[in-house]
Amino acid sequence: MTALLIGNNRAAEMAGGPDGSTPDERRRAARGAQRLLWWARDGDVLLLPEAPDDAFADHVTGLTGTRRATLTVVTAALPPTGTLPDATVAAVRAALAGRTVDRVLPVYADTGVTDLVRRLGAERALPGWAFHAQGGSALVNSKAAFRAVAAGTGTPVAAGAVAGTPDAAGAAAAELLAAGHSAVLKVAFHSGGLGNEVLTTDPAVRPLGAHRAVVLPGPDAAREHTARHWSGLSSGGRHPVVVERYHPESVPVYAEFEIGDAGVVLSGHGEMLMDPMLDGETVPAALPPDLLDRLVGDGRRLCEAYHALGYRGTLSADAIVTPAGELLFTEANGRLTGSSHLHSVLAARLVGEPLRSRRVFLEKGAWRVPSFGAALDALERAGLAFDPATRTGVVLVGDRVPVDGTVVPCVIAPDRPAAHAVRRSLPALAAEPASAPAS
């Protein structure tokens, strides 16, 4: 069995368009794509924009039990749109060395991926290939299309509208402000809340899940603002803009599913941590039973609609819990998300089903360290490295040291207070010198 894992997390719909990221963001994305190592099994081939460093690759495969020597990593630039160069396809074909591809796992199944799969003759290895090959992933990941699917399935969403013109967007935002609410303007395609902005008349409103809050004198100013910023909000007029009522201080949550030919299966759920943009998450979501049932039930109904369309793959149904206790869905993400490794690998493989329900996973922010190896050494000295016997400890799920000097830690603990206590202790650890060897 051979899988082809494709680290294309710079797809246009994830980056706000074909030119929607800076060089630094692209480098960070390249390091983020290395998380696909967590899914790798013996004999797999990985297509990545940048090869992982040895320390990170050894850390991951040491925990998953995958024999690193059996893996093949092909490095190549993965453009946000369009087909891959012939040289990249040839390099992948050479890495496969005549083996049949049994499974294709991309971060995002765009038409560049489906074209590569076709050229390899591996269409059956990518579930939903026909749907994805017609641009179906863009449909599933569009925030504008999401509101239509949610409305059609009776899934609760915030009051608002999908606006195809600056006049329509301005009118929708002005109406919300006139009613005493704040409004959030959402770009149709992006990830992590990037590109979104909050319009409000209240300077105390915090823009959680948006890159800024714009304080306006009144509703009419909302019309002027949307007209002035329409090009950026609509990606140069290519896409509509979602205008919704913004509920300050809401708690963002999600339920993630796997959609296959046989149906929809829950992978897990969690709470997203904002500061003010996405800064991590905790798994599972700490919700009252009735709200959790609705999150999973309504999320499943959304997935069933996308399943009927032909989508296959991971789908995260994102929502908020308002201060009034309402559960409102906000978007659907049809791709490997920043949460997928927590459910599919750390919970399922490292912890395992018998203990999964008795563990909390906390991934919050980045940890500045001298090197990846120094971070591992610090965890070992402190007795905090992941212990397969207790199924607790710290796992380093990402390596960004060459980019910004940080790693991404995930704390696995019996409960939330313990997880947060460990996370708070990490900054001091890397600064502690290793003990001198005995003389």
Protein backbone atom coordinates (compact mmCIF):
# COMPACT_ATOMS: atom_id res chain seq x y z
CA MET A 1 0.00 0.00 0.00
CA THR A 2 1.49 3.34 -1.09
CA ALA A 3 0.02 6.75 -0.38
CA LEU A 4 0.89 10.03 -2.05
CA LEU A 5 0.68 12.92 0.43
CA ILE A 6 0.62 16.40 -1.12
CA GLY A 7 1.47 19.48 0.97
CA ASN A 8 -0.30 22.12 -1.11
CA ASN A 9 -1.42 24.39 1.70
CA ARG A 10 -0.88 27.48 -0.44
CA ALA A 11 -3.88 26.73 -2.66
CA ALA A 12 -5.50 29.94 -3.89
CA GLU A 13 -8.72 29.42 -1.93
CA MET A 14 -6.69 29.06 1.29
CA ALA A 15 -4.52 32.13 0.70
CA GLY A 16 -7.11 34.64 -0.46
CA GLY A 17 -6.26 34.32 -4.15
CA PRO A 18 -3.28 33.45 -6.33
CA ASP A 19 -1.30 36.40 -4.96
CA GLY A 20 -2.74 36.35 -1.46
CA SER A 21 0.40 35.68 0.57
CA THR A 22 3.77 37.30 1.25
CA PRO A 23 7.14 35.51 0.93
CA ASP A 24 7.29 35.06 4.72
CA GLU A 25 3.78 33.61 4.74
CA ARG A 26 4.71 31.23 1.94
CA ARG A 27 7.75 30.02 3.88
CA ARG A 28 5.65 29.49 6.99
CA ALA A 29 3.10 27.63 4.89
CA ALA A 30 5.86 25.42 3.50
CA ARG A 31 6.91 24.48 7.02
CA GLY A 32 3.27 23.92 7.95
CA ALA A 33 2.88 21.50 5.05
CA GLN A 34 5.41 19.24 6.75
CA ARG A 35 2.67 18.21 9.19
CA LEU A 36 1.70 15.66 6.55
CA LEU A 37 4.49 13.55 8.04
CA TRP A 38 2.06 12.69 10.83
CA TRP A 39 -0.10 10.80 8.31
CA ALA A 40 2.80 8.99 6.63
CA ARG A 41 3.05 5.21 6.76
CA ASP A 42 5.81 2.90 5.60
CA GLY A 43 6.56 3.28 1.90
CA ASP A 44 4.63 6.52 1.34
CA VAL A 45 5.71 9.37 -0.94
CA LEU A 46 5.40 12.99 0.20
CA LEU A 47 5.32 15.94 -2.20
CA LEU A 48 6.31 19.01 -0.17
CA PRO A 49 7.46 22.56 -0.93
CA GLU A 50 10.32 22.14 1.57
CA ALA A 51 11.88 19.01 3.06
CA PRO A 52 11.60 18.58 6.83
CA ASP A 53 14.73 18.80 8.93
CA ASP A 54 16.05 15.52 10.32
CA ALA A 55 15.19 16.30 13.95
CA PHE A 56 11.53 16.95 13.17
CA ALA A 57 11.20 13.96 10.85
CA ASP A 58 12.78 11.68 13.47
CA HIS A 59 10.49 13.08 16.18
CA VAL A 60 7.34 12.44 14.16
CA THR A 61 8.21 8.99 12.86
CA GLY A 62 9.55 7.95 16.25
CA LEU A 63 6.12 8.59 17.74
CA THR A 64 4.01 7.17 14.89
CA GLY A 65 6.17 4.08 14.41
CA THR A 66 6.66 4.78 10.72
CA ARG A 67 10.06 3.70 9.42
CA ARG A 68 11.50 6.95 8.16
CA ALA A 69 13.95 5.21 5.82
CA THR A 70 11.01 3.84 3.81
CA LEU A 71 9.60 7.32 3.07
CA THR A 72 10.42 9.32 -0.04
CA VAL A 73 10.17 13.12 0.03
CA VAL A 74 9.91 14.99 -3.27
CA THR A 75 10.41 18.74 -2.94
CA ALA A 76 9.02 21.16 -5.50
CA ALA A 77 7.29 24.51 -5.65
CA LEU A 78 3.53 23.95 -5.42
CA PRO A 79 1.85 26.93 -7.11
CA PRO A 80 -1.47 28.20 -5.70
CA THR A 81 -3.23 27.65 -9.03
CA GLY A 82 -2.68 25.79 -12.28
CA THR A 83 -1.10 22.49 -13.18
CA LEU A 84 2.22 21.28 -11.84
CA PRO A 85 5.28 21.43 -14.10
CA ASP A 86 6.20 18.31 -16.05
CA ALA A 87 9.42 18.04 -14.04
CA THR A 88 7.47 17.78 -10.77
CA VAL A 89 5.19 15.09 -12.18
CA ALA A 90 8.23 13.19 -13.43
CA ALA A 91 9.89 13.43 -10.00
CA VAL A 92 6.79 12.03 -8.30
CA ARG A 93 6.55 9.24 -10.85
CA ALA A 94 10.22 8.39 -10.28
CA ALA A 95 9.69 8.32 -6.51
CA LEU A 96 6.82 5.87 -6.93
CA ALA A 97 9.16 3.62 -8.91
CA GLY A 98 6.35 1.74 -10.59
CA ARG A 99 4.28 1.24 -7.45
CA THR A 100 0.52 1.73 -7.61
CA VAL A 101 -0.83 4.70 -5.68
CA ASP A 102 -3.52 3.36 -3.36
CA ARG A 103 -4.37 6.62 -1.62
CA VAL A 104 -3.90 10.32 -2.37
CA LEU A 105 -4.08 12.72 0.57
CA PRO A 106 -3.66 16.40 -0.32
CA VAL A 107 -4.07 19.31 2.04
CA TYR A 108 -6.54 20.75 -0.46
CA ALA A 109 -7.94 18.87 -3.46
CA ASP A 110 -7.78 21.64 -6.05
CA THR A 111 -7.60 21.15 -9.81
CA GLY A 112 -3.80 21.15 -9.71
CA VAL A 113 -3.98 18.06 -7.50
CA THR A 114 -6.59 16.35 -9.64
CA ASP A 115 -4.52 16.99 -12.77
CA LEU A 116 -1.46 15.43 -11.13
CA VAL A 117 -3.55 12.43 -10.08
CA ARG A 118 -4.87 12.04 -13.62
CA ARG A 119 -1.39 12.17 -15.11
CA LEU A 120 -0.32 9.45 -12.68
CA GLY A 121 -3.35 7.33 -13.59
CA ALA A 122 -4.43 7.31 -9.94
CA GLU A 123 -7.94 8.78 -10.11
CA ARG A 124 -9.40 5.98 -8.00
CA ALA A 125 -6.92 6.75 -5.22
CA LEU A 126 -8.44 10.21 -4.62
CA PRO A 127 -12.02 9.88 -3.33
CA GLY A 128 -14.33 12.32 -5.09
CA TRP A 129 -11.82 12.89 -7.91
CA ALA A 130 -14.53 13.75 -10.47
CA PHE A 131 -16.07 16.37 -8.14
CA HIS A 132 -12.71 17.91 -7.25
CA ALA A 133 -11.60 17.92 -10.90
CA GLN A 134 -14.50 20.25 -11.74
CA GLY A 135 -13.47 22.79 -9.10
CA GLY A 136 -15.70 21.28 -6.43
CA SER A 137 -13.36 22.11 -3.56
CA ALA A 138 -13.79 25.81 -4.29
CA LEU A 139 -17.55 25.38 -3.97
CA VAL A 140 -17.21 23.60 -0.62
CA ASN A 141 -14.78 26.17 0.80
CA SER A 142 -16.62 29.29 -0.35
CA LYS A 143 -18.10 31.21 2.58
CA ALA A 144 -20.71 32.58 0.20
CA ALA A 145 -21.78 29.12 -0.99
CA PHE A 146 -21.79 27.95 2.63
CA ARG A 147 -24.58 30.36 3.53
CA ALA A 148 -26.71 28.95 0.72
CA VAL A 149 -26.09 25.35 1.81
CA ALA A 150 -26.77 26.26 5.44
CA ALA A 151 -30.03 27.97 4.51
CA GLY A 152 -31.09 25.01 2.40
CA THR A 153 -30.43 22.52 5.21
CA GLY A 154 -31.95 24.63 8.00
CA THR A 155 -28.59 25.12 9.71
CA PRO A 156 -28.58 28.21 11.97
CA VAL A 157 -26.33 31.09 10.87
CA ALA A 158 -25.94 34.72 11.90
CA ALA A 159 -28.25 37.26 10.28
CA GLY A 160 -26.72 38.60 7.11
CA ALA A 161 -26.41 38.34 3.36
CA VAL A 162 -24.13 37.43 0.47
CA ALA A 163 -23.32 40.62 -1.44
CA GLY A 164 -22.16 40.70 -5.03
CA THR A 165 -21.72 44.47 -5.28
CA PRO A 166 -20.32 47.18 -3.00
CA ASP A 167 -23.77 48.78 -2.80
CA ALA A 168 -25.35 45.53 -1.60
CA ALA A 169 -22.59 44.95 0.95
CA GLY A 170 -22.81 48.51 2.22
CA ALA A 171 -26.58 48.32 2.56
CA ALA A 172 -26.40 45.04 4.50
CA ALA A 173 -23.73 46.39 6.86
CA ALA A 174 -25.58 49.69 7.35
CA GLU A 175 -28.77 47.82 8.24
CA LEU A 176 -26.97 45.85 10.94
CA LEU A 177 -25.36 48.96 12.41
CA ALA A 178 -28.67 50.83 12.32
CA ALA A 179 -30.19 48.02 14.40
CA GLY A 180 -27.51 48.52 17.06
CA HIS A 181 -25.31 45.58 16.04
CA SER A 182 -21.80 45.24 14.69
CA ALA A 183 -21.12 43.67 11.29
CA VAL A 184 -18.36 41.40 10.06
CA LEU A 185 -17.28 41.51 6.42
CA LYS A 186 -15.92 38.14 5.29
CA VAL A 187 -13.87 37.44 2.21
CA ALA A 188 -15.23 34.44 0.33
CA PHE A 189 -11.93 32.54 0.37
CA HIS A 190 -9.25 32.56 3.04
CA SER A 191 -8.32 30.71 6.22
CA GLY A 192 -7.95 31.53 9.90
CA GLY A 193 -10.10 34.66 9.69
CA LEU A 194 -7.56 36.46 7.51
CA GLY A 195 -9.07 39.19 5.37
CA ASN A 196 -12.15 39.60 7.58
CA GLU A 197 -12.93 42.87 9.33
CA VAL A 198 -15.50 44.07 11.84
CA LEU A 199 -17.48 47.29 11.38
CA THR A 200 -18.83 48.76 14.60
CA THR A 201 -19.84 51.97 16.33
CA ASP A 202 -18.56 50.66 19.67
CA PRO A 203 -14.81 51.14 20.27
CA ALA A 204 -14.87 48.42 22.96
CA VAL A 205 -15.68 45.65 20.46
CA ARG A 206 -12.80 43.21 19.97
CA PRO A 207 -12.36 41.75 16.47
CA LEU A 208 -12.10 38.04 17.29
CA GLY A 209 -11.60 36.06 14.09
CA ALA A 210 -10.94 39.21 12.06
CA HIS A 211 -7.76 41.15 11.41
CA ARG A 212 -9.19 44.47 12.57
CA ALA A 213 -12.21 46.35 13.91
CA VAL A 214 -13.13 49.60 12.18
CA VAL A 215 -15.00 52.05 14.41
CA LEU A 216 -17.47 54.09 12.37
CA PRO A 217 -19.59 57.12 13.32
CA GLY A 218 -22.80 55.55 12.04
CA PRO A 219 -24.55 53.32 9.47
CA ASP A 220 -23.94 55.59 6.49
CA ALA A 221 -20.21 55.30 7.03
CA ALA A 222 -20.53 51.54 6.49
CA ARG A 223 -21.64 52.19 2.91
CA GLU A 224 -18.64 54.43 2.30
CA HIS A 225 -16.25 51.94 3.89
CA THR A 226 -17.39 48.93 1.86
CA ALA A 227 -17.27 50.94 -1.38
CA ARG A 228 -13.73 52.14 -0.61
CA HIS A 229 -12.43 48.68 0.33
CA TRP A 230 -14.48 46.58 -2.09
CA SER A 231 -11.55 45.51 -4.23
CA GLY A 232 -9.67 43.96 -1.32
CA LEU A 233 -12.75 42.38 0.23
CA SER A 234 -13.88 40.85 -3.08
CA SER A 235 -10.42 39.77 -4.28
CA GLY A 236 -10.46 42.30 -7.07
CA GLY A 237 -14.14 41.79 -7.80
CA ARG A 238 -13.76 38.04 -8.39
CA HIS A 239 -15.91 36.90 -5.46
CA PRO A 240 -18.93 38.07 -3.44
CA VAL A 241 -18.55 39.26 0.15
CA VAL A 242 -20.39 37.83 3.14
CA VAL A 243 -21.90 40.40 5.52
CA GLU A 244 -23.06 39.04 8.87
CA ARG A 245 -24.06 40.27 12.27
CA TYR A 246 -20.99 40.13 14.49
CA HIS A 247 -21.56 38.69 17.97
CA PRO A 248 -18.80 40.03 20.25
CA GLU A 249 -17.07 37.70 22.72
CA SER A 250 -18.51 34.55 21.18
CA VAL A 251 -16.70 31.23 21.58
CA PRO A 252 -15.64 29.63 18.27
CA VAL A 253 -16.08 25.86 18.09
CA TYR A 254 -16.11 23.21 15.39
CA ALA A 255 -16.97 19.62 14.57
CA GLU A 256 -14.75 17.84 12.06
CA PHE A 257 -15.90 14.93 9.92
CA GLU A 258 -14.62 12.53 7.30
CA ILE A 259 -16.93 12.30 4.29
CA GLY A 260 -16.50 9.05 2.38
CA ASP A 261 -18.49 7.04 -0.12
CA ALA A 262 -20.21 5.18 2.72
CA GLY A 263 -21.28 8.34 4.54
CA VAL A 264 -20.21 10.83 7.21
CA VAL A 265 -18.08 9.94 10.25
CA LEU A 266 -17.26 12.30 13.13
CA SER A 267 -13.50 12.77 13.65
CA GLY A 268 -13.75 15.05 16.68
CA HIS A 269 -14.62 18.51 17.94
CA GLY A 270 -12.89 21.38 19.67
CA GLU A 271 -12.76 25.02 20.67
CA MET A 272 -10.70 27.52 18.68
CA LEU A 273 -8.57 30.00 20.64
CA MET A 274 -8.42 33.58 19.33
CA ASP A 275 -5.89 36.29 20.20
CA PRO A 276 -7.53 38.01 18.26
CA MET A 277 -6.78 35.80 15.24
CA LEU A 278 -6.67 32.03 15.44
CA ASP A 279 -3.95 31.11 17.94
CA GLY A 280 -4.66 27.44 18.60
CA GLU A 281 -7.33 25.20 19.99
CA THR A 282 -8.32 22.79 22.68
CA VAL A 283 -9.87 19.37 22.10
CA PRO A 284 -12.53 18.32 22.93
CA ALA A 285 -14.96 21.25 22.97
CA ALA A 286 -16.17 21.94 26.52
CA LEU A 287 -19.85 22.49 25.74
CA PRO A 288 -23.04 21.59 27.60
CA PRO A 289 -24.42 18.29 26.28
CA ASP A 290 -27.33 19.91 24.44
CA LEU A 291 -25.08 22.37 22.60
CA LEU A 292 -22.56 19.65 21.76
CA ASP A 293 -25.34 17.46 20.37
CA ARG A 294 -26.50 20.34 18.18
CA LEU A 295 -22.96 21.15 17.03
CA VAL A 296 -22.40 17.56 15.93
CA GLY A 297 -25.94 17.02 14.62
CA ASP A 298 -26.16 20.21 12.58
CA GLY A 299 -22.58 19.75 11.41
CA ARG A 300 -23.41 16.25 10.24
CA ARG A 301 -26.43 17.54 8.32
CA LEU A 302 -24.20 20.04 6.52
CA CYS A 303 -21.78 17.24 5.66
CA GLU A 304 -24.59 15.11 4.29
CA ALA A 305 -25.48 17.93 1.90
CA TYR A 306 -21.89 18.20 0.69
CA HIS A 307 -21.74 14.40 0.45
CA ALA A 308 -24.77 14.46 -1.84
CA LEU A 309 -22.96 16.96 -4.08
CA GLY A 310 -20.02 14.58 -4.43
CA TYR A 311 -17.49 16.01 -1.96
CA ARG A 312 -15.18 13.46 -0.34
CA GLY A 313 -12.57 14.23 2.29
CA THR A 314 -12.22 16.10 5.58
CA LEU A 315 -14.78 18.78 6.40
CA SER A 316 -14.84 21.05 9.43
CA ALA A 317 -18.16 22.68 10.29
CA ASP A 318 -17.25 25.86 12.20
CA ALA A 319 -19.62 27.67 14.54
CA ILE A 320 -19.80 30.15 17.41
CA VAL A 321 -21.56 30.05 20.74
CA THR A 322 -22.79 33.57 21.47
CA PRO A 323 -22.91 35.09 24.97
CA ALA A 324 -26.68 34.49 24.79
CA GLY A 325 -26.08 30.76 24.28
CA GLU A 326 -26.99 30.61 20.58
CA LEU A 327 -25.13 28.15 18.35
CA LEU A 328 -24.57 29.73 14.93
CA PHE A 329 -22.57 28.16 12.12
CA THR A 330 -20.07 30.36 10.31
CA GLU A 331 -18.35 28.37 7.53
CA ALA A 332 -17.29 24.98 6.21
CA ASN A 333 -13.69 24.04 5.48
CA GLY A 334 -13.30 21.14 3.07
CA ARG A 335 -9.61 20.28 3.46
CA LEU A 336 -7.08 19.13 6.01
CA THR A 337 -7.36 21.81 8.68
CA GLY A 338 -5.17 23.00 11.51
CA SER A 339 -7.11 20.54 13.66
CA SER A 340 -7.00 17.40 11.53
CA HIS A 341 -3.73 16.02 12.92
CA LEU A 342 -5.10 16.28 16.46
CA HIS A 343 -8.00 13.96 15.68
CA SER A 344 -6.66 11.66 12.96
CA VAL A 345 -3.17 11.12 14.37
CA LEU A 346 -2.55 12.34 17.92
CA ALA A 347 -5.90 11.20 19.34
CA ALA A 348 -6.42 8.14 17.15
CA ARG A 349 -2.85 6.79 16.89
CA LEU A 350 -0.76 8.20 19.75
CA VAL A 351 -3.40 8.12 22.49
CA GLY A 352 -5.83 5.53 21.08
CA GLU A 353 -9.54 5.04 21.48
CA PRO A 354 -9.57 3.55 25.01
CA LEU A 355 -8.03 6.73 26.50
CA ARG A 356 -9.05 9.34 23.95
CA SER A 357 -12.14 10.47 25.85
CA ARG A 358 -10.01 10.99 28.98
CA ARG A 359 -7.43 13.26 27.41
CA VAL A 360 -7.35 16.97 26.56
CA PHE A 361 -5.26 18.25 23.65
CA LEU A 362 -4.07 21.86 23.89
CA GLU A 363 -2.27 23.49 20.98
CA LYS A 364 -1.84 27.19 21.70
CA GLY A 365 0.62 29.57 20.12
CA ALA A 366 4.25 28.96 19.23
CA TRP A 367 7.19 28.25 21.55
CA ARG A 368 10.42 30.16 20.88
CA VAL A 369 13.43 27.86 21.17
CA PRO A 370 17.13 27.84 20.18
CA SER A 371 16.58 24.79 17.97
CA PHE A 372 14.20 21.88 17.51
CA GLY A 373 16.67 19.58 19.23
CA ALA A 374 17.01 21.99 22.15
CA ALA A 375 13.23 21.94 22.58
CA LEU A 376 13.19 18.14 22.71
CA ASP A 377 16.06 18.13 25.21
CA ALA A 378 14.25 20.66 27.41
CA LEU A 379 11.10 18.54 27.43
CA GLU A 380 13.08 15.44 28.37
CA ARG A 381 14.88 17.24 31.23
CA ALA A 382 11.58 18.51 32.60
CA GLY A 383 9.88 15.13 32.29
CA LEU A 384 7.31 16.62 29.91
CA ALA A 385 8.05 14.73 26.70
CA PHE A 386 5.19 12.56 25.46
CA ASP A 387 5.12 9.27 27.35
CA PRO A 388 3.59 6.35 25.42
CA ALA A 389 2.93 4.57 28.72
CA THR A 390 0.72 7.29 30.22
CA ARG A 391 -0.33 8.79 26.86
CA THR A 392 0.40 12.28 28.23
CA GLY A 393 3.07 14.89 27.59
CA VAL A 394 4.15 17.40 24.96
CA VAL A 395 4.35 16.58 21.27
CA LEU A 396 6.03 19.03 18.89
CA VAL A 397 3.62 18.98 15.96
CA GLY A 398 5.35 21.64 13.85
CA ASP A 399 8.86 22.97 13.22
CA ARG A 400 9.17 26.64 12.25
CA VAL A 401 12.64 27.20 13.71
CA PRO A 402 14.29 28.10 10.36
CA VAL A 403 11.56 30.69 9.72
CA ASP A 404 10.91 32.40 13.05
CA GLY A 405 12.70 30.39 15.73
CA THR A 406 9.62 28.59 17.03
CA VAL A 407 8.08 25.15 17.33
CA VAL A 408 4.39 24.28 17.71
CA PRO A 409 3.74 22.29 20.89
CA CYS A 410 0.65 20.23 21.65
CA VAL A 411 0.08 19.35 25.30
CA ILE A 412 -1.77 16.10 25.97
CA ALA A 413 -3.06 15.96 29.54
CA PRO A 414 -5.82 14.41 31.66
CA ASP A 415 -7.73 17.70 31.96
CA ARG A 416 -7.73 21.34 30.89
CA PRO A 417 -6.11 22.86 34.01
CA ALA A 418 -3.21 20.41 33.74
CA ALA A 419 -2.81 21.10 30.01
CA HIS A 420 -2.73 24.88 30.51
CA ALA A 421 -0.28 24.57 33.42
CA VAL A 422 2.16 22.62 31.25
CA ARG A 423 1.75 25.07 28.37
CA ARG A 424 2.49 28.04 30.65
CA SER A 425 5.68 26.36 31.84
CA LEU A 426 7.22 25.92 28.39
CA PRO A 427 8.72 29.40 27.73
CA ALA A 428 11.12 29.05 30.66
CA LEU A 429 12.27 25.54 29.76
CA ALA A 430 14.25 26.30 26.61
CA ALA A 431 16.14 29.03 28.46
CA GLU A 432 17.39 26.55 31.07
CA PRO A 433 20.88 25.25 30.27
CA ALA A 434 21.42 21.53 30.09
CA SER A 435 23.03 20.02 33.17
CA ALA A 436 26.80 19.75 32.97
CA PRO A 437 28.07 16.19 32.63
CA ALA A 438 29.40 14.59 35.79
CA SER A 439 33.17 14.84 36.14
